[in-house]
Structures are given as C-alpha cells and as structure tokens.
Amino acid sequence: MKKSALLSIALVVISFFTAVRVQAQAFQVGTNVISAGIGLGSSIANFTYGTQSPGFNVQYDRGIWEAGPGVVSLGGYIGIKDYKYGYIYNGDAVSYKWNYTVVGVRGAWHFTGLDIENLDLYGGVMLGYYALSTSYSDSQGNSGGSLGNYGNTVGLSVFAGAKYYFAGNLGVFGELGFGANILSLGLSYKF
C-alpha cells in the first residue's frame, strides 16, 4: 500500500507540472545542490507504541552527465531518527531509546525535458548504511547501551522528489523515499 501511495503522489506531481511550459532548467551538468530537511513517517522501523522524533536529513547532489532528457547526479545523504518507549514495571519507570543514523551514497536522474523554470523533478536510488544504537534507563539509576543483537545493516532504497527555486539559488524540496523518513520537506541551496 505504501508503494502505491508513493506512486500515485509522484504521478499527480508530474501531471500537474507537465501543463506548464517555460524556458530554463533548474538542474544541469555541474550543478551542486545541498538540502536540509525534516521528515515524517519512517521506513526504518514500524513502532506502534512510544514516541518518535521527526527525522532530520542533509543531502548533496552534483550533476555529472546528461542522459536522455535529463541529468544524472551523484551525491550523499545523512539522516537521523529516534524512537522512545517507556513503561512502569513493578513500580520502576523503565525507558528505552533507539537511535538510527542513515549514511548513504545516492544517484538520481533529474528530468529536464519539461523545461519548467526553477523546477527540478528527480528520482533515484540510494545505497545506505543503517546504524542503530540503543540504550535504556530506569528510575533506580540503572542504564546501559546495547539492548541486544539488533545489528546494523546495509540497504538499497528508492526516492523521488521535486525542488523549486523561488529566490535565485534558494529553494524548497519535497521528497518521498526510504531514507530516515518516508516524506521529507526542507530547503535547498544550488551553487
């Protein structure tokens, strides 16, 4: 269901912008973009209890070569996300915390065939390292690190998004994918 919802949203965004025709490309070979965002949802874990922080991420993309009606970029990604869960056990308040850090290398294809001024539509893949650290504490002063053999993992994920530059090189972005969050929104700077 998540994949079909992501596909539907991407198709609506692309359909909306195909009606507009203007001359200029927001992303070209040699373009550098750094973005910082805050995210909703999570593809890392599916906790139905406790609380979770919004995810935060920073991304970098550089236009490397032309490919059809678009430009291929290579870049990096780092994101963080936390989960907390607490309960009372035999009168003792116990708290658990999971900290996820995602570091990835990503490649994207930026569609330039629409010639829409200040708009960058893109999609791609990311090879990420998902690092997990865990901790616990209780009201009796006990605390510790690892909660067990959860382990870190390497994973391949997909993403799609749009950046719109509203003030020269400063813009906003929205991205759907499977990094630290399912939906990220934030600011982008192109140089």
C-alpha atoms as a PDB file:
ATOM      1  CA  MET A   1       0.000   0.000   0.000  1.00  0.00           C
ATOM      2  CA  LYS A   2       2.860   2.420   0.755  1.00  0.00           C
ATOM      3  CA  LYS A   3       4.380   1.876  -2.699  1.00  0.00           C
ATOM      4  CA  SER A   4       1.089   2.527  -4.499  1.00  0.00           C
ATOM      5  CA  ALA A   5       0.526   5.693  -2.461  1.00  0.00           C
ATOM      6  CA  LEU A   6       4.034   6.943  -3.300  1.00  0.00           C
ATOM      7  CA  LEU A   7       3.488   6.179  -6.995  1.00  0.00           C
ATOM      8  CA  SER A   8       0.123   7.967  -7.001  1.00  0.00           C
ATOM      9  CA  ILE A   9       1.607  11.077  -5.377  1.00  0.00           C
ATOM     10  CA  ALA A  10       4.525  11.110  -7.839  1.00  0.00           C
ATOM     11  CA  LEU A  11       2.157  10.822 -10.815  1.00  0.00           C
ATOM     12  CA  VAL A  12      -0.017  13.675  -9.543  1.00  0.00           C
ATOM     13  CA  VAL A  13       3.046  15.920  -9.098  1.00  0.00           C
ATOM     14  CA  ILE A  14       4.368  15.106 -12.577  1.00  0.00           C
ATOM     15  CA  SER A  15       0.930  15.560 -14.179  1.00  0.00           C
ATOM     16  CA  PHE A  16       0.477  18.939 -12.508  1.00  0.00           C
ATOM     17  CA  PHE A  17       3.774  20.302 -13.775  1.00  0.00           C
ATOM     18  CA  THR A  18       3.534  18.954 -17.325  1.00  0.00           C
ATOM     19  CA  ALA A  19       0.857  21.551 -18.081  1.00  0.00           C
ATOM     20  CA  VAL A  20       3.358  24.410 -17.510  1.00  0.00           C
ATOM     21  CA  ARG A  21       5.912  25.166 -20.256  1.00  0.00           C
ATOM     22  CA  VAL A  22       8.633  27.735 -19.582  1.00  0.00           C
ATOM     23  CA  GLN A  23      12.240  28.026 -20.789  1.00  0.00           C
ATOM     24  CA  ALA A  24      15.014  27.284 -18.228  1.00  0.00           C
ATOM     25  CA  GLN A  25      16.421  24.270 -16.458  1.00  0.00           C
ATOM     26  CA  ALA A  26      16.860  24.083 -12.714  1.00  0.00           C
ATOM     27  CA  PHE A  27      19.434  21.252 -12.813  1.00  0.00           C
ATOM     28  CA  GLN A  28      22.326  20.830 -15.252  1.00  0.00           C
ATOM     29  CA  VAL A  29      25.702  19.115 -15.520  1.00  0.00           C
ATOM     30  CA  GLY A  30      27.930  20.787 -12.927  1.00  0.00           C
ATOM     31  CA  THR A  31      25.055  21.896 -10.686  1.00  0.00           C
ATOM     32  CA  ASN A  32      25.640  21.350  -6.951  1.00  0.00           C
ATOM     33  CA  VAL A  33      22.736  21.260  -4.507  1.00  0.00           C
ATOM     34  CA  ILE A  34      22.793  20.879  -0.743  1.00  0.00           C
ATOM     35  CA  SER A  35      19.470  20.329   1.030  1.00  0.00           C
ATOM     36  CA  ALA A  36      18.393  20.046   4.653  1.00  0.00           C
ATOM     37  CA  GLY A  37      15.028  18.661   5.635  1.00  0.00           C
ATOM     38  CA  ILE A  38      12.739  17.429   8.333  1.00  0.00           C
ATOM     39  CA  GLY A  39      10.791  14.244   7.798  1.00  0.00           C
ATOM     40  CA  LEU A  40       7.600  12.450   8.647  1.00  0.00           C
ATOM     41  CA  GLY A  41       6.943   8.732   8.921  1.00  0.00           C
ATOM     42  CA  SER A  42       9.630   6.110   8.871  1.00  0.00           C
ATOM     43  CA  SER A  43      10.791   3.313   6.685  1.00  0.00           C
ATOM     44  CA  ILE A  44      13.341   2.169   9.270  1.00  0.00           C
ATOM     45  CA  ALA A  45      11.069   0.743  11.918  1.00  0.00           C
ATOM     46  CA  ASN A  46       7.358   0.381  12.456  1.00  0.00           C
ATOM     47  CA  PHE A  47       6.844   1.126  16.137  1.00  0.00           C
ATOM     48  CA  THR A  48       3.182   1.470  17.063  1.00  0.00           C
ATOM     49  CA  TYR A  49       3.910   2.483  20.640  1.00  0.00           C
ATOM     50  CA  GLY A  50       6.016   5.102  22.344  1.00  0.00           C
ATOM     51  CA  THR A  51       7.128   8.313  20.649  1.00  0.00           C
ATOM     52  CA  GLN A  52       9.338   9.122  17.721  1.00  0.00           C
ATOM     53  CA  SER A  53      11.213  12.253  16.761  1.00  0.00           C
ATOM     54  CA  PRO A  54      10.843  13.818  13.370  1.00  0.00           C
ATOM     55  CA  GLY A  55      13.717  12.712  11.194  1.00  0.00           C
ATOM     56  CA  PHE A  56      16.356  15.168  10.076  1.00  0.00           C
ATOM     57  CA  ASN A  57      18.444  14.800   6.933  1.00  0.00           C
ATOM     58  CA  VAL A  58      21.071  16.539   4.833  1.00  0.00           C
ATOM     59  CA  GLN A  59      21.602  15.685   1.169  1.00  0.00           C
ATOM     60  CA  TYR A  60      24.118  16.646  -1.511  1.00  0.00           C
ATOM     61  CA  ASP A  61      23.761  16.142  -5.281  1.00  0.00           C
ATOM     62  CA  ARG A  62      26.086  17.064  -8.164  1.00  0.00           C
ATOM     63  CA  GLY A  63      25.125  16.906 -11.843  1.00  0.00           C
ATOM     64  CA  ILE A  64      27.590  14.526 -13.518  1.00  0.00           C
ATOM     65  CA  TRP A  65      26.413  13.765 -17.075  1.00  0.00           C
ATOM     66  CA  GLU A  66      23.493  14.143 -19.467  1.00  0.00           C
ATOM     67  CA  ALA A  67      21.295  11.097 -20.033  1.00  0.00           C
ATOM     68  CA  GLY A  68      18.403  11.480 -22.474  1.00  0.00           C
ATOM     69  CA  PRO A  69      16.113  14.318 -21.445  1.00  0.00           C
ATOM     70  CA  GLY A  70      17.799  14.599 -18.078  1.00  0.00           C
ATOM     71  CA  VAL A  71      20.942  14.807 -15.997  1.00  0.00           C
ATOM     72  CA  VAL A  72      22.379  12.091 -13.750  1.00  0.00           C
ATOM     73  CA  SER A  73      23.629  13.215 -10.351  1.00  0.00           C
ATOM     74  CA  LEU A  74      25.724  11.542  -7.679  1.00  0.00           C
ATOM     75  CA  GLY A  75      25.753  12.563  -4.060  1.00  0.00           C
ATOM     76  CA  GLY A  76      25.375  11.677  -0.434  1.00  0.00           C
ATOM     77  CA  TYR A  77      22.808  11.518   2.344  1.00  0.00           C
ATOM     78  CA  ILE A  78      22.825  11.508   6.123  1.00  0.00           C
ATOM     79  CA  GLY A  79      19.709  11.230   8.258  1.00  0.00           C
ATOM     80  CA  ILE A  80      18.793  10.603  11.900  1.00  0.00           C
ATOM     81  CA  LYS A  81      15.649   9.352  13.620  1.00  0.00           C
ATOM     82  CA  ASP A  82      14.902   8.441  17.269  1.00  0.00           C
ATOM     83  CA  TYR A  83      12.267   6.290  18.970  1.00  0.00           C
ATOM     84  CA  LYS A  84      11.488   6.224  22.709  1.00  0.00           C
ATOM     85  CA  TYR A  85       9.358   3.858  24.729  1.00  0.00           C
ATOM     86  CA  GLY A  86       8.695   3.842  28.448  1.00  0.00           C
ATOM     87  CA  TYR A  87       6.586   1.864  30.902  1.00  0.00           C
ATOM     88  CA  ILE A  88       6.229   1.053  34.595  1.00  0.00           C
ATOM     89  CA  TYR A  89       7.400  -2.385  35.744  1.00  0.00           C
ATOM     90  CA  ASN A  90       6.979  -3.343  39.433  1.00  0.00           C
ATOM     91  CA  GLY A  91       6.857   0.357  40.344  1.00  0.00           C
ATOM     92  CA  ASP A  92      10.035   1.109  38.396  1.00  0.00           C
ATOM     93  CA  ALA A  93       9.906   3.545  35.420  1.00  0.00           C
ATOM     94  CA  VAL A  94      11.812   1.959  32.529  1.00  0.00           C
ATOM     95  CA  SER A  95      12.773   3.834  29.357  1.00  0.00           C
ATOM     96  CA  TYR A  96      14.186   2.509  26.066  1.00  0.00           C
ATOM     97  CA  LYS A  97      15.628   4.543  23.212  1.00  0.00           C
ATOM     98  CA  TRP A  98      16.559   3.556  19.643  1.00  0.00           C
ATOM     99  CA  ASN A  99      18.770   5.959  17.631  1.00  0.00           C
ATOM    100  CA  TYR A 100      19.035   5.392  13.883  1.00  0.00           C
ATOM    101  CA  THR A 101      21.632   7.053  11.672  1.00  0.00           C
ATOM    102  CA  VAL A 102      21.487   6.536   7.911  1.00  0.00           C
ATOM    103  CA  VAL A 103      24.518   7.351   5.751  1.00  0.00           C
ATOM    104  CA  GLY A 104      24.185   6.778   2.045  1.00  0.00           C
ATOM    105  CA  VAL A 105      25.517   7.274  -1.450  1.00  0.00           C
ATOM    106  CA  ARG A 106      22.805   8.222  -3.919  1.00  0.00           C
ATOM    107  CA  GLY A 107      22.367   8.585  -7.628  1.00  0.00           C
ATOM    108  CA  ALA A 108      19.436  10.353  -9.268  1.00  0.00           C
ATOM    109  CA  TRP A 109      18.076  11.216 -12.689  1.00  0.00           C
ATOM    110  CA  HIS A 110      16.827  14.817 -12.935  1.00  0.00           C
ATOM    111  CA  PHE A 111      14.202  15.183 -15.659  1.00  0.00           C
ATOM    112  CA  THR A 112      14.920  18.280 -17.773  1.00  0.00           C
ATOM    113  CA  GLY A 113      12.572  17.501 -20.672  1.00  0.00           C
ATOM    114  CA  LEU A 114       9.738  19.651 -19.328  1.00  0.00           C
ATOM    115  CA  ASP A 115      11.713  22.917 -19.443  1.00  0.00           C
ATOM    116  CA  ILE A 116       9.916  24.249 -16.366  1.00  0.00           C
ATOM    117  CA  GLU A 117      11.630  27.280 -14.933  1.00  0.00           C
ATOM    118  CA  ASN A 118      13.061  26.782 -11.431  1.00  0.00           C
ATOM    119  CA  LEU A 119      11.679  23.235 -11.061  1.00  0.00           C
ATOM    120  CA  ASP A 120      13.803  20.112 -10.617  1.00  0.00           C
ATOM    121  CA  LEU A 121      11.941  16.771 -10.769  1.00  0.00           C
ATOM    122  CA  TYR A 122      14.083  13.744  -9.912  1.00  0.00           C
ATOM    123  CA  GLY A 123      14.123  10.119  -8.843  1.00  0.00           C
ATOM    124  CA  GLY A 124      16.863   7.735  -7.882  1.00  0.00           C
ATOM    125  CA  VAL A 125      18.369   5.036  -5.703  1.00  0.00           C
ATOM    126  CA  MET A 126      20.464   5.120  -2.557  1.00  0.00           C
ATOM    127  CA  LEU A 127      22.821   2.567  -1.067  1.00  0.00           C
ATOM    128  CA  GLY A 128      22.679   3.259   2.655  1.00  0.00           C
ATOM    129  CA  TYR A 129      24.251   2.080   5.868  1.00  0.00           C
ATOM    130  CA  TYR A 130      21.671   1.991   8.665  1.00  0.00           C
ATOM    131  CA  ALA A 131      23.421   2.262  12.045  1.00  0.00           C
ATOM    132  CA  LEU A 132      21.441   1.529  15.198  1.00  0.00           C
ATOM    133  CA  SER A 133      22.372   2.397  18.755  1.00  0.00           C
ATOM    134  CA  THR A 134      20.145   1.547  21.691  1.00  0.00           C
ATOM    135  CA  SER A 135      20.006   2.462  25.345  1.00  0.00           C
ATOM    136  CA  TYR A 136      17.834   2.014  28.414  1.00  0.00           C
ATOM    137  CA  SER A 137      17.434   3.532  31.841  1.00  0.00           C
ATOM    138  CA  ASP A 138      15.206   3.084  34.867  1.00  0.00           C
ATOM    139  CA  SER A 139      14.190   5.111  37.894  1.00  0.00           C
ATOM    140  CA  GLN A 140      16.612   3.128  40.107  1.00  0.00           C
ATOM    141  CA  GLY A 141      19.620   4.623  38.312  1.00  0.00           C
ATOM    142  CA  ASN A 142      20.389   1.667  36.086  1.00  0.00           C
ATOM    143  CA  SER A 143      21.280   2.474  32.491  1.00  0.00           C
ATOM    144  CA  GLY A 144      23.123   0.910  29.634  1.00  0.00           C
ATOM    145  CA  GLY A 145      23.938   0.767  25.994  1.00  0.00           C
ATOM    146  CA  SER A 146      23.058  -2.030  23.638  1.00  0.00           C
ATOM    147  CA  LEU A 147      19.711  -3.733  24.228  1.00  0.00           C
ATOM    148  CA  GLY A 148      20.571  -6.817  22.269  1.00  0.00           C
ATOM    149  CA  ASN A 149      21.814  -8.070  18.934  1.00  0.00           C
ATOM    150  CA  TYR A 150      19.870  -5.736  16.631  1.00  0.00           C
ATOM    151  CA  GLY A 151      22.863  -5.079  14.410  1.00  0.00           C
ATOM    152  CA  ASN A 152      23.493  -2.541  11.692  1.00  0.00           C
ATOM    153  CA  THR A 153      22.542  -3.149   8.101  1.00  0.00           C
ATOM    154  CA  VAL A 154      23.148  -2.056   4.520  1.00  0.00           C
ATOM    155  CA  GLY A 155      20.153  -1.448   2.284  1.00  0.00           C
ATOM    156  CA  LEU A 156      19.124  -0.216  -1.146  1.00  0.00           C
ATOM    157  CA  SER A 157      16.246   2.278  -1.307  1.00  0.00           C
ATOM    158  CA  VAL A 158      14.430   4.420  -3.864  1.00  0.00           C
ATOM    159  CA  PHE A 159      13.295   8.049  -3.744  1.00  0.00           C
ATOM    160  CA  ALA A 160      11.538  10.664  -5.871  1.00  0.00           C
ATOM    161  CA  GLY A 161      11.173  14.364  -5.318  1.00  0.00           C
ATOM    162  CA  ALA A 162      10.901  17.910  -6.548  1.00  0.00           C
ATOM    163  CA  LYS A 163      12.841  21.081  -5.817  1.00  0.00           C
ATOM    164  CA  TYR A 164      11.503  24.526  -6.627  1.00  0.00           C
ATOM    165  CA  TYR A 165      13.883  27.511  -6.573  1.00  0.00           C
ATOM    166  CA  PHE A 166      11.815  30.538  -5.556  1.00  0.00           C
ATOM    167  CA  ALA A 167      14.661  33.010  -4.884  1.00  0.00           C
ATOM    168  CA  GLY A 168      17.564  32.526  -7.267  1.00  0.00           C
ATOM    169  CA  ASN A 169      19.559  29.647  -5.834  1.00  0.00           C
ATOM    170  CA  LEU A 170      17.380  29.154  -2.745  1.00  0.00           C
ATOM    171  CA  GLY A 171      14.500  26.726  -2.946  1.00  0.00           C
ATOM    172  CA  VAL A 172      12.243  24.253  -1.215  1.00  0.00           C
ATOM    173  CA  PHE A 173      12.048  20.498  -1.704  1.00  0.00           C
ATOM    174  CA  GLY A 174       9.759  17.577  -1.045  1.00  0.00           C
ATOM    175  CA  GLU A 175      10.988  14.001  -1.307  1.00  0.00           C
ATOM    176  CA  LEU A 176       9.327  10.614  -0.933  1.00  0.00           C
ATOM    177  CA  GLY A 177      11.532   7.623  -0.258  1.00  0.00           C
ATOM    178  CA  PHE A 178      13.053   5.231   2.192  1.00  0.00           C
ATOM    179  CA  GLY A 179      15.914   7.023   3.969  1.00  0.00           C
ATOM    180  CA  ALA A 180      15.353   8.116   7.559  1.00  0.00           C
ATOM    181  CA  ASN A 181      11.797   9.154   6.614  1.00  0.00           C
ATOM    182  CA  ILE A 182       9.115   8.427   4.045  1.00  0.00           C
ATOM    183  CA  LEU A 183       8.416  12.135   3.400  1.00  0.00           C
ATOM    184  CA  SER A 184      10.988  14.905   3.810  1.00  0.00           C
ATOM    185  CA  LEU A 185      10.389  18.621   3.364  1.00  0.00           C
ATOM    186  CA  GLY A 186      13.004  21.338   3.567  1.00  0.00           C
ATOM    187  CA  LEU A 187      15.261  23.928   1.975  1.00  0.00           C
ATOM    188  CA  SER A 188      17.744  23.558  -0.887  1.00  0.00           C
ATOM    189  CA  TYR A 189      20.657  25.727  -1.978  1.00  0.00           C
ATOM    190  CA  LYS A 190      22.043  25.442  -5.512  1.00  0.00           C
ATOM    191  CA  PHE A 191      25.603  26.526  -6.357  1.00  0.00           C
END
